[in-house]
């Protein structure tokens, strides 16, 4: 289905695994499954959504790591996976999403450093309560900020 561009199923009581067939909606530019009860892993089929600009998977019960297939989404501008049970490192491919302006990973037992290189267009970065340890790599601060852009960064570590 190439004509469907927008799906928001936010704040329902949907449960089970995120259906892999959502990857067939290749015309999607916006997908929000936020605030449901989805469980299991993020299906790699979502990587087929190469037109996607916004992907919001926050506030579910997702586990495992983010699939490498998501790297195929080249023009993503907004990615949120807060409040899940994901683990592992923040995937390096996030640093290759050069259009990414908003990244939110919070309230998750992982991921760990290293952080990917922060894309040039990043305006909103929240990494809160995700059990970060170690030192913040210098390249995480190397983003160039213009006077016309607003940049917000929030990294909180709780002991």
C-alpha atoms as a PDB file:
ATOM      1  CA  UNK A   1       0.000   0.000   0.000  1.00  0.00           C
ATOM      2  CA  UNK A   2       1.923   2.987  -1.248  1.00  0.00           C
ATOM      3  CA  UNK A   3      -0.885   5.532  -0.849  1.00  0.00           C
ATOM      4  CA  UNK A   4      -1.187   5.334   2.942  1.00  0.00           C
ATOM      5  CA  UNK A   5       1.117   7.978   4.470  1.00  0.00           C
ATOM      6  CA  UNK A   6       0.090   8.335   8.117  1.00  0.00           C
ATOM      7  CA  UNK A   7      -0.695   5.780  10.835  1.00  0.00           C
ATOM      8  CA  UNK A   8      -1.186   6.768  14.468  1.00  0.00           C
ATOM      9  CA  UNK A   9      -2.404   4.080  16.840  1.00  0.00           C
ATOM     10  CA  UNK A  10      -1.272   6.043  19.892  1.00  0.00           C
ATOM     11  CA  UNK A  11      -2.790   5.464  23.346  1.00  0.00           C
ATOM     12  CA  UNK A  12      -4.852   2.370  22.717  1.00  0.00           C
ATOM     13  CA  UNK A  13      -4.698  -1.033  24.377  1.00  0.00           C
ATOM     14  CA  UNK A  14      -3.094  -2.885  21.496  1.00  0.00           C
ATOM     15  CA  UNK A  15      -1.014  -5.879  22.575  1.00  0.00           C
ATOM     16  CA  UNK A  16       1.034  -8.729  21.170  1.00  0.00           C
ATOM     17  CA  UNK A  17       3.905  -8.289  18.759  1.00  0.00           C
ATOM     18  CA  UNK A  18       4.133  -5.324  16.412  1.00  0.00           C
ATOM     19  CA  UNK A  19       2.920  -6.833  13.134  1.00  0.00           C
ATOM     20  CA  UNK A  20       5.708  -7.284  10.607  1.00  0.00           C
ATOM     21  CA  UNK A  21       3.252  -6.620   7.781  1.00  0.00           C
ATOM     22  CA  UNK A  22       3.373  -2.908   8.689  1.00  0.00           C
ATOM     23  CA  UNK A  23       6.584  -2.992   6.651  1.00  0.00           C
ATOM     24  CA  UNK A  24       4.419  -3.443   3.542  1.00  0.00           C
ATOM     25  CA  UNK A  25       3.044   0.114   3.849  1.00  0.00           C
ATOM     26  CA  UNK A  26       6.052   1.529   2.002  1.00  0.00           C
ATOM     27  CA  UNK A  27       4.470   4.944   1.435  1.00  0.00           C
ATOM     28  CA  UNK A  28       4.261   5.689   5.168  1.00  0.00           C
ATOM     29  CA  UNK A  29       5.934   8.876   6.339  1.00  0.00           C
ATOM     30  CA  UNK A  30       4.560   8.724   9.905  1.00  0.00           C
ATOM     31  CA  UNK A  31       4.084   5.711  12.190  1.00  0.00           C
ATOM     32  CA  UNK A  32       3.214   6.030  15.874  1.00  0.00           C
ATOM     33  CA  UNK A  33       2.490   2.975  18.008  1.00  0.00           C
ATOM     34  CA  UNK A  34       3.149   4.869  21.250  1.00  0.00           C
ATOM     35  CA  UNK A  35       1.412   4.112  24.561  1.00  0.00           C
ATOM     36  CA  UNK A  36       0.130   0.632  23.849  1.00  0.00           C
ATOM     37  CA  UNK A  37       1.018  -2.783  25.226  1.00  0.00           C
ATOM     38  CA  UNK A  38       3.048  -4.140  22.323  1.00  0.00           C
ATOM     39  CA  UNK A  39       5.650  -6.718  23.367  1.00  0.00           C
ATOM     40  CA  UNK A  40       8.382  -8.714  21.678  1.00  0.00           C
ATOM     41  CA  UNK A  41      11.085  -7.319  19.445  1.00  0.00           C
ATOM     42  CA  UNK A  42      10.901  -4.456  16.974  1.00  0.00           C
ATOM     43  CA  UNK A  43      10.201  -6.268  13.685  1.00  0.00           C
ATOM     44  CA  UNK A  44      12.978  -5.877  11.105  1.00  0.00           C
ATOM     45  CA  UNK A  45      10.292  -5.427   8.428  1.00  0.00           C
ATOM     46  CA  UNK A  46       9.884  -1.832   9.645  1.00  0.00           C
ATOM     47  CA  UNK A  47      13.170  -1.209   7.831  1.00  0.00           C
ATOM     48  CA  UNK A  48      11.181  -1.471   4.573  1.00  0.00           C
ATOM     49  CA  UNK A  49       9.499   1.850   5.429  1.00  0.00           C
ATOM     50  CA  UNK A  50      12.132   3.864   3.593  1.00  0.00           C
ATOM     51  CA  UNK A  51       9.843   6.915   3.191  1.00  0.00           C
ATOM     52  CA  UNK A  52       9.343   7.189   6.952  1.00  0.00           C
ATOM     53  CA  UNK A  53      10.111  10.555   8.599  1.00  0.00           C
ATOM     54  CA  UNK A  54       8.693   9.810  12.073  1.00  0.00           C
ATOM     55  CA  UNK A  55       8.813   6.515  13.982  1.00  0.00           C
ATOM     56  CA  UNK A  56       7.448   6.494  17.544  1.00  0.00           C
ATOM     57  CA  UNK A  57       7.525   3.212  19.485  1.00  0.00           C
ATOM     58  CA  UNK A  58       7.618   4.656  23.024  1.00  0.00           C
ATOM     59  CA  UNK A  59       5.686   3.368  26.042  1.00  0.00           C
ATOM     60  CA  UNK A  60       5.282  -0.287  25.126  1.00  0.00           C
ATOM     61  CA  UNK A  61       6.915  -3.478  26.404  1.00  0.00           C
ATOM     62  CA  UNK A  62       9.395  -3.986  23.578  1.00  0.00           C
ATOM     63  CA  UNK A  63      12.490  -6.100  24.283  1.00  0.00           C
ATOM     64  CA  UNK A  64      15.791  -6.960  22.633  1.00  0.00           C
ATOM     65  CA  UNK A  65      17.840  -4.666  20.448  1.00  0.00           C
ATOM     66  CA  UNK A  66      16.853  -2.404  17.591  1.00  0.00           C
ATOM     67  CA  UNK A  67      17.154  -4.347  14.315  1.00  0.00           C
ATOM     68  CA  UNK A  68      19.903  -3.375  11.883  1.00  0.00           C
ATOM     69  CA  UNK A  69      17.218  -3.268   9.162  1.00  0.00           C
ATOM     70  CA  UNK A  70      16.100   0.125  10.544  1.00  0.00           C
ATOM     71  CA  UNK A  71      19.306   1.554   9.029  1.00  0.00           C
ATOM     72  CA  UNK A  72      17.515   1.438   5.649  1.00  0.00           C
ATOM     73  CA  UNK A  73      15.275   4.337   6.734  1.00  0.00           C
ATOM     74  CA  UNK A  74      17.571   7.103   5.486  1.00  0.00           C
ATOM     75  CA  UNK A  75      15.397  10.225   5.953  1.00  0.00           C
ATOM     76  CA  UNK A  76      14.079   9.679   9.477  1.00  0.00           C
ATOM     77  CA  UNK A  77      13.706  13.007  11.323  1.00  0.00           C
ATOM     78  CA  UNK A  78      12.043  11.866  14.581  1.00  0.00           C
ATOM     79  CA  UNK A  79      12.777   8.572  16.397  1.00  0.00           C
ATOM     80  CA  UNK A  80      11.410   7.730  19.849  1.00  0.00           C
ATOM     81  CA  UNK A  81      11.740   4.412  21.709  1.00  0.00           C
ATOM     82  CA  UNK A  82      11.323   5.600  25.301  1.00  0.00           C
ATOM     83  CA  UNK A  83       9.855   3.532  28.112  1.00  0.00           C
ATOM     84  CA  UNK A  84      10.465   0.015  26.789  1.00  0.00           C
ATOM     85  CA  UNK A  85      12.706  -2.864  27.856  1.00  0.00           C
ATOM     86  CA  UNK A  86      15.277  -2.595  25.071  1.00  0.00           C
ATOM     87  CA  UNK A  87      18.898  -3.492  25.758  1.00  0.00           C
ATOM     88  CA  UNK A  88      22.338  -3.445  24.175  1.00  0.00           C
ATOM     89  CA  UNK A  89      24.185  -0.492  22.721  1.00  0.00           C
ATOM     90  CA  UNK A  90      22.645   2.478  20.959  1.00  0.00           C
ATOM     91  CA  UNK A  91      22.922   1.294  17.332  1.00  0.00           C
ATOM     92  CA  UNK A  92      25.655   2.904  15.273  1.00  0.00           C
ATOM     93  CA  UNK A  93      23.244   3.324  12.364  1.00  0.00           C
ATOM     94  CA  UNK A  94      21.414   6.090  14.260  1.00  0.00           C
ATOM     95  CA  UNK A  95      24.461   8.250  13.544  1.00  0.00           C
ATOM     96  CA  UNK A  96      23.907   7.659   9.811  1.00  0.00           C
ATOM     97  CA  UNK A  97      20.395   9.083   9.941  1.00  0.00           C
ATOM     98  CA  UNK A  98      21.634  12.465   8.740  1.00  0.00           C
ATOM     99  CA  UNK A  99      18.171  14.069   8.775  1.00  0.00           C
ATOM    100  CA  UNK A 100      17.472  13.063  12.394  1.00  0.00           C
ATOM    101  CA  UNK A 101      16.369  16.081  14.413  1.00  0.00           C
ATOM    102  CA  UNK A 102      14.726  14.373  17.406  1.00  0.00           C
ATOM    103  CA  UNK A 103      15.952  11.317  19.298  1.00  0.00           C
ATOM    104  CA  UNK A 104      14.388  10.151  22.539  1.00  0.00           C
ATOM    105  CA  UNK A 105      15.524   7.033  24.401  1.00  0.00           C
ATOM    106  CA  UNK A 106      14.386   7.058  28.038  1.00  0.00           C
ATOM    107  CA  UNK A 107      13.317   4.793  30.876  1.00  0.00           C
ATOM    108  CA  UNK A 108      14.860   1.684  29.347  1.00  0.00           C
ATOM    109  CA  UNK A 109      17.201  -0.813  31.092  1.00  0.00           C
ATOM    110  CA  UNK A 110      19.727  -0.439  28.237  1.00  0.00           C
ATOM    111  CA  UNK A 111      21.204   0.732  25.913  1.00  0.00           C
ATOM    112  CA  UNK A 112      24.822   1.351  26.793  1.00  0.00           C
ATOM    113  CA  UNK A 113      27.550   3.588  25.422  1.00  0.00           C
ATOM    114  CA  UNK A 114      29.026   4.132  22.958  1.00  0.00           C
ATOM    115  CA  UNK A 115      26.652   6.694  21.554  1.00  0.00           C
ATOM    116  CA  UNK A 116      26.560   7.094  17.798  1.00  0.00           C
ATOM    117  CA  UNK A 117      27.851  10.299  16.255  1.00  0.00           C
ATOM    118  CA  UNK A 118      25.089  12.870  16.711  1.00  0.00           C
ATOM    119  CA  UNK A 119      23.714  13.885  13.291  1.00  0.00           C
ATOM    120  CA  UNK A 120      24.250  17.482  12.185  1.00  0.00           C
ATOM    121  CA  UNK A 121      20.527  18.333  12.196  1.00  0.00           C
ATOM    122  CA  UNK A 122      19.913  17.098  15.756  1.00  0.00           C
ATOM    123  CA  UNK A 123      17.771  19.575  17.700  1.00  0.00           C
ATOM    124  CA  UNK A 124      16.304  17.424  20.451  1.00  0.00           C
ATOM    125  CA  UNK A 125      18.248  14.637  22.178  1.00  0.00           C
ATOM    126  CA  UNK A 126      16.948  12.962  25.332  1.00  0.00           C
ATOM    127  CA  UNK A 127      18.794  10.020  26.905  1.00  0.00           C
ATOM    128  CA  UNK A 128      17.283   9.711  30.375  1.00  0.00           C
ATOM    129  CA  UNK A 129      17.247   6.905  32.915  1.00  0.00           C
ATOM    130  CA  UNK A 130      18.787   4.314  30.598  1.00  0.00           C
ATOM    131  CA  UNK A 131      21.612   3.115  32.856  1.00  0.00           C
ATOM    132  CA  UNK A 132      24.386   4.835  30.949  1.00  0.00           C
ATOM    133  CA  UNK A 133      27.838   4.172  32.319  1.00  0.00           C
ATOM    134  CA  UNK A 134      31.348   5.201  31.412  1.00  0.00           C
ATOM    135  CA  UNK A 135      32.302   8.541  29.922  1.00  0.00           C
ATOM    136  CA  UNK A 136      30.501  10.594  27.328  1.00  0.00           C
ATOM    137  CA  UNK A 137      32.551  10.386  24.126  1.00  0.00           C
ATOM    138  CA  UNK A 138      33.879  13.726  22.900  1.00  0.00           C
ATOM    139  CA  UNK A 139      32.293  13.284  19.469  1.00  0.00           C
ATOM    140  CA  UNK A 140      28.844  13.373  21.108  1.00  0.00           C
ATOM    141  CA  UNK A 141      29.412  17.096  21.626  1.00  0.00           C
ATOM    142  CA  UNK A 142      30.785  17.828  18.149  1.00  0.00           C
ATOM    143  CA  UNK A 143      27.448  18.791  16.631  1.00  0.00           C
ATOM    144  CA  UNK A 144      27.520  22.166  14.862  1.00  0.00           C
ATOM    145  CA  UNK A 145      24.700  24.389  16.030  1.00  0.00           C
ATOM    146  CA  UNK A 146      23.623  27.423  14.043  1.00  0.00           C
ATOM    147  CA  UNK A 147      22.084  30.495  15.657  1.00  0.00           C
ATOM    148  CA  UNK A 148      18.808  29.836  13.873  1.00  0.00           C
ATOM    149  CA  UNK A 149      18.458  26.366  15.388  1.00  0.00           C
ATOM    150  CA  UNK A 150      17.280  25.450  18.847  1.00  0.00           C
ATOM    151  CA  UNK A 151      19.184  22.548  20.360  1.00  0.00           C
ATOM    152  CA  UNK A 152      18.011  20.679  23.426  1.00  0.00           C
ATOM    153  CA  UNK A 153      20.012  17.918  25.044  1.00  0.00           C
ATOM    154  CA  UNK A 154      19.087  16.045  28.194  1.00  0.00           C
ATOM    155  CA  UNK A 155      21.231  13.259  29.559  1.00  0.00           C
ATOM    156  CA  UNK A 156      20.302  12.155  33.056  1.00  0.00           C
ATOM    157  CA  UNK A 157      22.013   9.414  35.017  1.00  0.00           C
ATOM    158  CA  UNK A 158      20.326   8.025  38.126  1.00  0.00           C
ATOM    159  CA  UNK A 159      22.247   5.969  40.690  1.00  0.00           C
END
